[in-house]
Amino acid sequence: MAIKVKLTKSFSGSSEDQLATIDSLGLKKFGDERLLKDTPAIRGMVNKVRHLVTAETVAGEAPKATRRKARKIRVRDAARARKA
């Protein structure tokens, strides 16, 4: 199961903890949508800012987050690969 969260109202004038919650959900600007794993923690965050977002349950799985290496490391590895 996954939950689709969309920022539907402006967050200007919101408290700092609500801004942090919106940022934690991965919403950066008005109209942003994210497909997140349906966990109690995510549901709690959505409940905290429910007046700013819309949420709906979606069948299927949320995409798995991938970690990227820092740019400095990627450049270094690419240079090493060219050299070899």
PDB file of N, CA and C in Angstrom:
ATOM      1  N   MET A   1       0.836  -1.185   0.000  1.00  0.00           N
ATOM      2  CA  MET A   1       0.000   0.000   0.000  1.00  0.00           C
ATOM      3  C   MET A   1       0.884   1.253   0.000  1.00  0.00           C
ATOM      4  N   ALA A   2       0.366   2.265  -0.608  1.00  0.00           N
ATOM      5  CA  ALA A   2       1.073   3.548  -0.662  1.00  0.00           C
ATOM      6  C   ALA A   2       0.055   4.659  -0.420  1.00  0.00           C
ATOM      7  N   ILE A   3       0.561   5.806  -0.117  1.00  0.00           N
ATOM      8  CA  ILE A   3      -0.293   6.964   0.102  1.00  0.00           C
ATOM      9  C   ILE A   3       0.213   8.103  -0.784  1.00  0.00           C
ATOM     10  N   LYS A   4      -0.702   8.709  -1.547  1.00  0.00           N
ATOM     11  CA  LYS A   4      -0.342   9.827  -2.422  1.00  0.00           C
ATOM     12  C   LYS A   4      -0.705  11.121  -1.711  1.00  0.00           C
ATOM     13  N   VAL A   5       0.315  11.956  -1.494  1.00  0.00           N
ATOM     14  CA  VAL A   5       0.142  13.204  -0.759  1.00  0.00           C
ATOM     15  C   VAL A   5       0.385  14.360  -1.724  1.00  0.00           C
ATOM     16  N   LYS A   6      -0.533  15.332  -1.722  1.00  0.00           N
ATOM     17  CA  LYS A   6      -0.401  16.499  -2.599  1.00  0.00           C
ATOM     18  C   LYS A   6      -0.579  17.766  -1.767  1.00  0.00           C
ATOM     19  N   LEU A   7       0.321  18.720  -1.963  1.00  0.00           N
ATOM     20  CA  LEU A   7       0.239  20.008  -1.277  1.00  0.00           C
ATOM     21  C   LEU A   7      -0.777  20.865  -2.019  1.00  0.00           C
ATOM     22  N   THR A   8      -1.925  21.135  -1.375  1.00  0.00           N
ATOM     23  CA  THR A   8      -3.015  21.821  -2.053  1.00  0.00           C
ATOM     24  C   THR A   8      -3.220  23.250  -1.580  1.00  0.00           C
ATOM     25  N   LYS A   9      -2.598  23.615  -0.461  1.00  0.00           N
ATOM     26  CA  LYS A   9      -2.740  24.981   0.036  1.00  0.00           C
ATOM     27  C   LYS A   9      -1.369  25.552   0.343  1.00  0.00           C
ATOM     28  N   SER A  10      -1.259  26.846   0.330  1.00  0.00           N
ATOM     29  CA  SER A  10       0.006  27.511   0.616  1.00  0.00           C
ATOM     30  C   SER A  10       0.368  27.323   2.087  1.00  0.00           C
ATOM     31  N   PHE A  11       1.659  27.139   2.340  1.00  0.00           N
ATOM     32  CA  PHE A  11       2.100  26.956   3.712  1.00  0.00           C
ATOM     33  C   PHE A  11       2.688  28.226   4.305  1.00  0.00           C
ATOM     34  N   SER A  12       2.492  29.358   3.652  1.00  0.00           N
ATOM     35  CA  SER A  12       2.975  30.617   4.221  1.00  0.00           C
ATOM     36  C   SER A  12       2.162  30.928   5.476  1.00  0.00           C
ATOM     37  N   GLY A  13       2.853  31.356   6.494  1.00  0.00           N
ATOM     38  CA  GLY A  13       2.193  31.653   7.760  1.00  0.00           C
ATOM     39  C   GLY A  13       2.054  30.460   8.671  1.00  0.00           C
ATOM     40  N   SER A  14       2.530  29.296   8.238  1.00  0.00           N
ATOM     41  CA  SER A  14       2.459  28.099   9.068  1.00  0.00           C
ATOM     42  C   SER A  14       3.565  28.127  10.112  1.00  0.00           C
ATOM     43  N   SER A  15       3.357  27.356  11.163  1.00  0.00           N
ATOM     44  CA  SER A  15       4.372  27.302  12.220  1.00  0.00           C
ATOM     45  C   SER A  15       5.598  26.527  11.733  1.00  0.00           C
ATOM     46  N   GLU A  16       6.690  26.671  12.479  1.00  0.00           N
ATOM     47  CA  GLU A  16       7.936  26.029  12.076  1.00  0.00           C
ATOM     48  C   GLU A  16       7.838  24.511  12.069  1.00  0.00           C
ATOM     49  N   ASP A  17       7.104  23.939  13.026  1.00  0.00           N
ATOM     50  CA  ASP A  17       6.993  22.480  13.040  1.00  0.00           C
ATOM     51  C   ASP A  17       6.140  21.969  11.883  1.00  0.00           C
ATOM     52  N   GLN A  18       5.164  22.757  11.437  1.00  0.00           N
ATOM     53  CA  GLN A  18       4.398  22.364  10.256  1.00  0.00           C
ATOM     54  C   GLN A  18       5.251  22.467   9.001  1.00  0.00           C
ATOM     55  N   LEU A  19       6.100  23.504   8.913  1.00  0.00           N
ATOM     56  CA  LEU A  19       7.010  23.635   7.778  1.00  0.00           C
ATOM     57  C   LEU A  19       7.987  22.468   7.734  1.00  0.00           C
ATOM     58  N   ALA A  20       8.474  22.054   8.901  1.00  0.00           N
ATOM     59  CA  ALA A  20       9.390  20.916   8.967  1.00  0.00           C
ATOM     60  C   ALA A  20       8.681  19.632   8.545  1.00  0.00           C
ATOM     61  N   THR A  21       7.422  19.492   8.908  1.00  0.00           N
ATOM     62  CA  THR A  21       6.646  18.309   8.520  1.00  0.00           C
ATOM     63  C   THR A  21       6.438  18.267   7.015  1.00  0.00           C
ATOM     64  N   ILE A  22       6.110  19.400   6.420  1.00  0.00           N
ATOM     65  CA  ILE A  22       5.927  19.472   4.965  1.00  0.00           C
ATOM     66  C   ILE A  22       7.228  19.120   4.255  1.00  0.00           C
ATOM     67  N   ASP A  23       8.339  19.636   4.777  1.00  0.00           N
ATOM     68  CA  ASP A  23       9.648  19.330   4.202  1.00  0.00           C
ATOM     69  C   ASP A  23       9.970  17.844   4.350  1.00  0.00           C
ATOM     70  N   SER A  24       9.623  17.259   5.487  1.00  0.00           N
ATOM     71  CA  SER A  24       9.878  15.833   5.721  1.00  0.00           C
ATOM     72  C   SER A  24       9.057  14.943   4.788  1.00  0.00           C
ATOM     73  N   LEU A  25       7.898  15.414   4.409  1.00  0.00           N
ATOM     74  CA  LEU A  25       7.077  14.667   3.448  1.00  0.00           C
ATOM     75  C   LEU A  25       7.632  14.786   2.037  1.00  0.00           C
ATOM     76  N   GLY A  26       8.578  15.697   1.830  1.00  0.00           N
ATOM     77  CA  GLY A  26       9.196  15.858   0.519  1.00  0.00           C
ATOM     78  C   GLY A  26       8.455  16.810  -0.388  1.00  0.00           C
ATOM     79  N   LEU A  27       7.585  17.634   0.182  1.00  0.00           N
ATOM     80  CA  LEU A  27       6.815  18.600  -0.600  1.00  0.00           C
ATOM     81  C   LEU A  27       7.522  19.935  -0.542  1.00  0.00           C
ATOM     82  N   LYS A  28       7.862  20.482  -1.709  1.00  0.00           N
ATOM     83  CA  LYS A  28       8.648  21.702  -1.742  1.00  0.00           C
ATOM     84  C   LYS A  28       7.841  22.927  -2.153  1.00  0.00           C
ATOM     85  N   LYS A  29       6.887  22.762  -3.055  1.00  0.00           N
ATOM     86  CA  LYS A  29       6.121  23.914  -3.503  1.00  0.00           C
ATOM     87  C   LYS A  29       4.674  23.514  -3.761  1.00  0.00           C
ATOM     88  N   PHE A  30       3.852  24.497  -3.916  1.00  0.00           N
ATOM     89  CA  PHE A  30       2.421  24.302  -4.127  1.00  0.00           C
ATOM     90  C   PHE A  30       2.174  23.375  -5.324  1.00  0.00           C
ATOM     91  N   GLY A  31       1.351  22.352  -5.137  1.00  0.00           N
ATOM     92  CA  GLY A  31       1.011  21.426  -6.211  1.00  0.00           C
ATOM     93  C   GLY A  31       1.903  20.197  -6.278  1.00  0.00           C
ATOM     94  N   ASP A  32       2.936  20.123  -5.458  1.00  0.00           N
ATOM     95  CA  ASP A  32       3.814  18.944  -5.456  1.00  0.00           C
ATOM     96  C   ASP A  32       3.061  17.714  -4.989  1.00  0.00           C
ATOM     97  N   GLU A  33       3.391  16.575  -5.591  1.00  0.00           N
ATOM     98  CA  GLU A  33       2.815  15.286  -5.217  1.00  0.00           C
ATOM     99  C   GLU A  33       3.926  14.309  -4.888  1.00  0.00           C
ATOM    100  N   ARG A  34       3.705  13.451  -3.918  1.00  0.00           N
ATOM    101  CA  ARG A  34       4.663  12.406  -3.568  1.00  0.00           C
ATOM    102  C   ARG A  34       3.902  11.126  -3.314  1.00  0.00           C
ATOM    103  N   LEU A  35       4.480  10.023  -3.712  1.00  0.00           N
ATOM    104  CA  LEU A  35       3.940   8.710  -3.434  1.00  0.00           C
ATOM    105  C   LEU A  35       4.814   8.108  -2.347  1.00  0.00           C
ATOM    106  N   LEU A  36       4.241   7.935  -1.152  1.00  0.00           N
ATOM    107  CA  LEU A  36       5.001   7.512   0.011  1.00  0.00           C
ATOM    108  C   LEU A  36       4.484   6.184   0.541  1.00  0.00           C
ATOM    109  N   LYS A  37       5.347   5.497   1.259  1.00  0.00           N
ATOM    110  CA  LYS A  37       4.976   4.242   1.891  1.00  0.00           C
ATOM    111  C   LYS A  37       3.935   4.530   2.974  1.00  0.00           C
ATOM    112  N   ASP A  38       2.929   3.690   3.062  1.00  0.00           N
ATOM    113  CA  ASP A  38       1.843   3.895   4.018  1.00  0.00           C
ATOM    114  C   ASP A  38       2.245   3.327   5.379  1.00  0.00           C
ATOM    115  N   THR A  39       2.796   4.192   6.227  1.00  0.00           N
ATOM    116  CA  THR A  39       3.215   3.789   7.570  1.00  0.00           C
ATOM    117  C   THR A  39       2.526   4.692   8.587  1.00  0.00           C
ATOM    118  N   PRO A  40       2.478   4.268   9.840  1.00  0.00           N
ATOM    119  CA  PRO A  40       1.875   5.134  10.864  1.00  0.00           C
ATOM    120  C   PRO A  40       2.586   6.482  11.000  1.00  0.00           C
ATOM    121  N   ALA A  41       3.895   6.511  10.807  1.00  0.00           N
ATOM    122  CA  ALA A  41       4.634   7.769  10.907  1.00  0.00           C
ATOM    123  C   ALA A  41       4.208   8.742   9.809  1.00  0.00           C
ATOM    124  N   ILE A  42       4.082   8.243   8.584  1.00  0.00           N
ATOM    125  CA  ILE A  42       3.657   9.099   7.463  1.00  0.00           C
ATOM    126  C   ILE A  42       2.227   9.572   7.691  1.00  0.00           C
ATOM    127  N   ARG A  43       1.362   8.673   8.136  1.00  0.00           N
ATOM    128  CA  ARG A  43      -0.022   9.065   8.403  1.00  0.00           C
ATOM    129  C   ARG A  43      -0.100  10.139   9.485  1.00  0.00           C
ATOM    130  N   GLY A  44       0.769  10.053  10.497  1.00  0.00           N
ATOM    131  CA  GLY A  44       0.804  11.066  11.546  1.00  0.00           C
ATOM    132  C   GLY A  44       1.243  12.415  11.007  1.00  0.00           C
ATOM    133  N   MET A  45       2.245  12.405  10.112  1.00  0.00           N
ATOM    134  CA  MET A  45       2.703  13.663   9.514  1.00  0.00           C
ATOM    135  C   MET A  45       1.610  14.279   8.653  1.00  0.00           C
ATOM    136  N   VAL A  46       0.920  13.437   7.885  1.00  0.00           N
ATOM    137  CA  VAL A  46      -0.173  13.940   7.038  1.00  0.00           C
ATOM    138  C   VAL A  46      -1.287  14.503   7.912  1.00  0.00           C
ATOM    139  N   ASN A  47      -1.562  13.836   9.021  1.00  0.00           N
ATOM    140  CA  ASN A  47      -2.614  14.310   9.929  1.00  0.00           C
ATOM    141  C   ASN A  47      -2.261  15.666  10.536  1.00  0.00           C
ATOM    142  N   LYS A  48      -0.985  15.892  10.775  1.00  0.00           N
ATOM    143  CA  LYS A  48      -0.542  17.153  11.381  1.00  0.00           C
ATOM    144  C   LYS A  48      -0.765  18.343  10.446  1.00  0.00           C
ATOM    145  N   VAL A  49      -0.628  18.120   9.143  1.00  0.00           N
ATOM    146  CA  VAL A  49      -0.804  19.206   8.167  1.00  0.00           C
ATOM    147  C   VAL A  49      -1.987  18.914   7.239  1.00  0.00           C
ATOM    148  N   ARG A  50      -3.011  18.264   7.773  1.00  0.00           N
ATOM    149  CA  ARG A  50      -4.155  17.845   6.949  1.00  0.00           C
ATOM    150  C   ARG A  50      -4.906  19.013   6.326  1.00  0.00           C
ATOM    151  N   HIS A  51      -4.775  20.218   6.897  1.00  0.00           N
ATOM    152  CA  HIS A  51      -5.447  21.395   6.333  1.00  0.00           C
ATOM    153  C   HIS A  51      -4.688  21.958   5.133  1.00  0.00           C
ATOM    154  N   LEU A  52      -3.465  21.464   4.887  1.00  0.00           N
ATOM    155  CA  LEU A  52      -2.644  21.948   3.775  1.00  0.00           C
ATOM    156  C   LEU A  52      -2.494  20.930   2.650  1.00  0.00           C
ATOM    157  N   VAL A  53      -2.741  19.653   2.940  1.00  0.00           N
ATOM    158  CA  VAL A  53      -2.504  18.591   1.964  1.00  0.00           C
ATOM    159  C   VAL A  53      -3.756  17.761   1.755  1.00  0.00           C
ATOM    160  N   THR A  54      -3.768  17.043   0.632  1.00  0.00           N
ATOM    161  CA  THR A  54      -4.766  16.004   0.422  1.00  0.00           C
ATOM    162  C   THR A  54      -4.018  14.689   0.312  1.00  0.00           C
ATOM    163  N   ALA A  55      -4.612  13.643   0.855  1.00  0.00           N
ATOM    164  CA  ALA A  55      -3.967  12.340   0.852  1.00  0.00           C
ATOM    165  C   ALA A  55      -4.983  11.290   0.433  1.00  0.00           C
ATOM    166  N   GLU A  56      -4.525  10.355  -0.379  1.00  0.00           N
ATOM    167  CA  GLU A  56      -5.384   9.242  -0.773  1.00  0.00           C
ATOM    168  C   GLU A  56      -4.556   7.967  -0.810  1.00  0.00           C
ATOM    169  N   THR A  57      -5.187   6.874  -0.441  1.00  0.00           N
ATOM    170  CA  THR A  57      -4.520   5.584  -0.448  1.00  0.00           C
ATOM    171  C   THR A  57      -4.540   5.023  -1.861  1.00  0.00           C
ATOM    172  N   VAL A  58      -3.398   4.491  -2.286  1.00  0.00           N
ATOM    173  CA  VAL A  58      -3.237   3.983  -3.637  1.00  0.00           C
ATOM    174  C   VAL A  58      -2.786   2.532  -3.553  1.00  0.00           C
ATOM    175  N   ALA A  59      -3.313   1.693  -4.428  1.00  0.00           N
ATOM    176  CA  ALA A  59      -2.873   0.305  -4.475  1.00  0.00           C
ATOM    177  C   ALA A  59      -1.476   0.254  -5.091  1.00  0.00           C
ATOM    178  N   GLY A  60      -0.674  -0.675  -4.651  1.00  0.00           N
ATOM    179  CA  GLY A  60       0.680  -0.799  -5.165  1.00  0.00           C
ATOM    180  C   GLY A  60       1.685  -0.298  -4.150  1.00  0.00           C
ATOM    181  N   GLU A  61       2.931  -0.325  -4.555  1.00  0.00           N
ATOM    182  CA  GLU A  61       4.020   0.064  -3.659  1.00  0.00           C
ATOM    183  C   GLU A  61       4.586   1.423  -4.043  1.00  0.00           C
ATOM    184  N   ALA A  62       5.094   2.122  -3.051  1.00  0.00           N
ATOM    185  CA  ALA A  62       5.775   3.390  -3.292  1.00  0.00           C
ATOM    186  C   ALA A  62       7.152   3.097  -3.861  1.00  0.00           C
ATOM    187  N   PRO A  63       7.670   3.961  -4.717  1.00  0.00           N
ATOM    188  CA  PRO A  63       9.010   3.730  -5.251  1.00  0.00           C
ATOM    189  C   PRO A  63      10.041   3.775  -4.137  1.00  0.00           C
ATOM    190  N   LYS A  64      11.008   2.889  -4.225  1.00  0.00           N
ATOM    191  CA  LYS A  64      12.043   2.826  -3.203  1.00  0.00           C
ATOM    192  C   LYS A  64      13.013   3.983  -3.398  1.00  0.00           C
ATOM    193  N   ALA A  65      13.368   4.635  -2.301  1.00  0.00           N
ATOM    194  CA  ALA A  65      14.298   5.766  -2.360  1.00  0.00           C
ATOM    195  C   ALA A  65      15.699   5.244  -2.642  1.00  0.00           C
ATOM    196  N   THR A  66      16.371   5.896  -3.577  1.00  0.00           N
ATOM    197  CA  THR A  66      17.733   5.506  -3.891  1.00  0.00           C
ATOM    198  C   THR A  66      18.687   6.561  -3.359  1.00  0.00           C
ATOM    199  N   ARG A  67      19.792   6.101  -2.830  1.00  0.00           N
ATOM    200  CA  ARG A  67      20.793   7.024  -2.323  1.00  0.00           C
ATOM    201  C   ARG A  67      21.827   7.267  -3.396  1.00  0.00           C
ATOM    202  N   ARG A  68      22.259   8.515  -3.510  1.00  0.00           N
ATOM    203  CA  ARG A  68      23.272   8.870  -4.492  1.00  0.00           C
ATOM    204  C   ARG A  68      24.549   9.241  -3.763  1.00  0.00           C
ATOM    205  N   LYS A  69      25.648   8.950  -4.402  1.00  0.00           N
ATOM    206  CA  LYS A  69      26.924   9.371  -3.849  1.00  0.00           C
ATOM    207  C   LYS A  69      27.051  10.878  -4.010  1.00  0.00           C
ATOM    208  N   ALA A  70      27.870  11.461  -3.173  1.00  0.00           N
ATOM    209  CA  ALA A  70      28.122  12.887  -3.277  1.00  0.00           C
ATOM    210  C   ALA A  70      28.793  13.187  -4.614  1.00  0.00           C
ATOM    211  N   ARG A  71      28.577  14.394  -5.144  1.00  0.00           N
ATOM    212  CA  ARG A  71      29.118  14.763  -6.448  1.00  0.00           C
ATOM    213  C   ARG A  71      30.635  14.633  -6.465  1.00  0.00           C
ATOM    214  N   LYS A  72      31.262  15.028  -5.381  1.00  0.00           N
ATOM    215  CA  LYS A  72      32.715  14.950  -5.275  1.00  0.00           C
ATOM    216  C   LYS A  72      33.200  13.508  -5.464  1.00  0.00           C
ATOM    217  N   ILE A  73      32.506  12.550  -4.887  1.00  0.00           N
ATOM    218  CA  ILE A  73      32.873  11.138  -4.991  1.00  0.00           C
ATOM    219  C   ILE A  73      32.613  10.619  -6.398  1.00  0.00           C
ATOM    220  N   ARG A  74      31.472  11.022  -7.006  1.00  0.00           N
ATOM    221  CA  ARG A  74      31.160  10.575  -8.365  1.00  0.00           C
ATOM    222  C   ARG A  74      32.202  11.070  -9.356  1.00  0.00           C
ATOM    223  N   VAL A  75      32.623  12.328  -9.211  1.00  0.00           N
ATOM    224  CA  VAL A  75      33.637  12.896 -10.106  1.00  0.00           C
ATOM    225  C   VAL A  75      34.959  12.162  -9.932  1.00  0.00           C
ATOM    226  N   ARG A  76      35.333  11.892  -8.693  1.00  0.00           N
ATOM    227  CA  ARG A  76      36.570  11.179  -8.412  1.00  0.00           C
ATOM    228  C   ARG A  76      36.554   9.780  -9.043  1.00  0.00           C
ATOM    229  N   ASP A  77      35.438   9.067  -8.881  1.00  0.00           N
ATOM    230  CA  ASP A  77      35.325   7.717  -9.438  1.00  0.00           C
ATOM    231  C   ASP A  77      35.365   7.744 -10.959  1.00  0.00           C
ATOM    232  N   ALA A  78      34.743   8.738 -11.584  1.00  0.00           N
ATOM    233  CA  ALA A  78      34.744   8.865 -13.029  1.00  0.00           C
ATOM    234  C   ALA A  78      36.161   9.139 -13.535  1.00  0.00           C
ATOM    235  N   ALA A  79      36.901   9.972 -12.817  1.00  0.00           N
ATOM    236  CA  ALA A  79      38.286  10.277 -13.212  1.00  0.00           C
ATOM    237  C   ALA A  79      39.162   9.043 -13.092  1.00  0.00           C
ATOM    238  N   ARG A  80      38.953   8.272 -12.066  1.00  0.00           N
ATOM    239  CA  ARG A  80      39.712   7.043 -11.890  1.00  0.00           C
ATOM    240  C   ARG A  80      39.394   6.038 -12.992  1.00  0.00           C
ATOM    241  N   ALA A  81      38.134   5.973 -13.395  1.00  0.00           N
ATOM    242  CA  ALA A  81      37.726   5.046 -14.438  1.00  0.00           C
ATOM    243  C   ALA A  81      38.332   5.452 -15.789  1.00  0.00           C
ATOM    244  N   ARG A  82      38.388   6.766 -16.051  1.00  0.00           N
ATOM    245  CA  ARG A  82      38.998   7.222 -17.312  1.00  0.00           C
ATOM    246  C   ARG A  82      40.491   6.944 -17.339  1.00  0.00           C
ATOM    247  N   LYS A  83      41.118   7.082 -16.208  1.00  0.00           N
ATOM    248  CA  LYS A  83      42.566   6.884 -16.104  1.00  0.00           C
ATOM    249  C   LYS A  83      42.945   5.408 -16.303  1.00  0.00           C
ATOM    250  N   ALA A  84      42.120   4.532 -15.811  1.00  0.00           N
ATOM    251  CA  ALA A  84      42.439   3.092 -15.863  1.00  0.00           C
ATOM    252  C   ALA A  84      42.167   2.477 -17.228  1.00  0.00           C
TER     253      ALA A  84
END
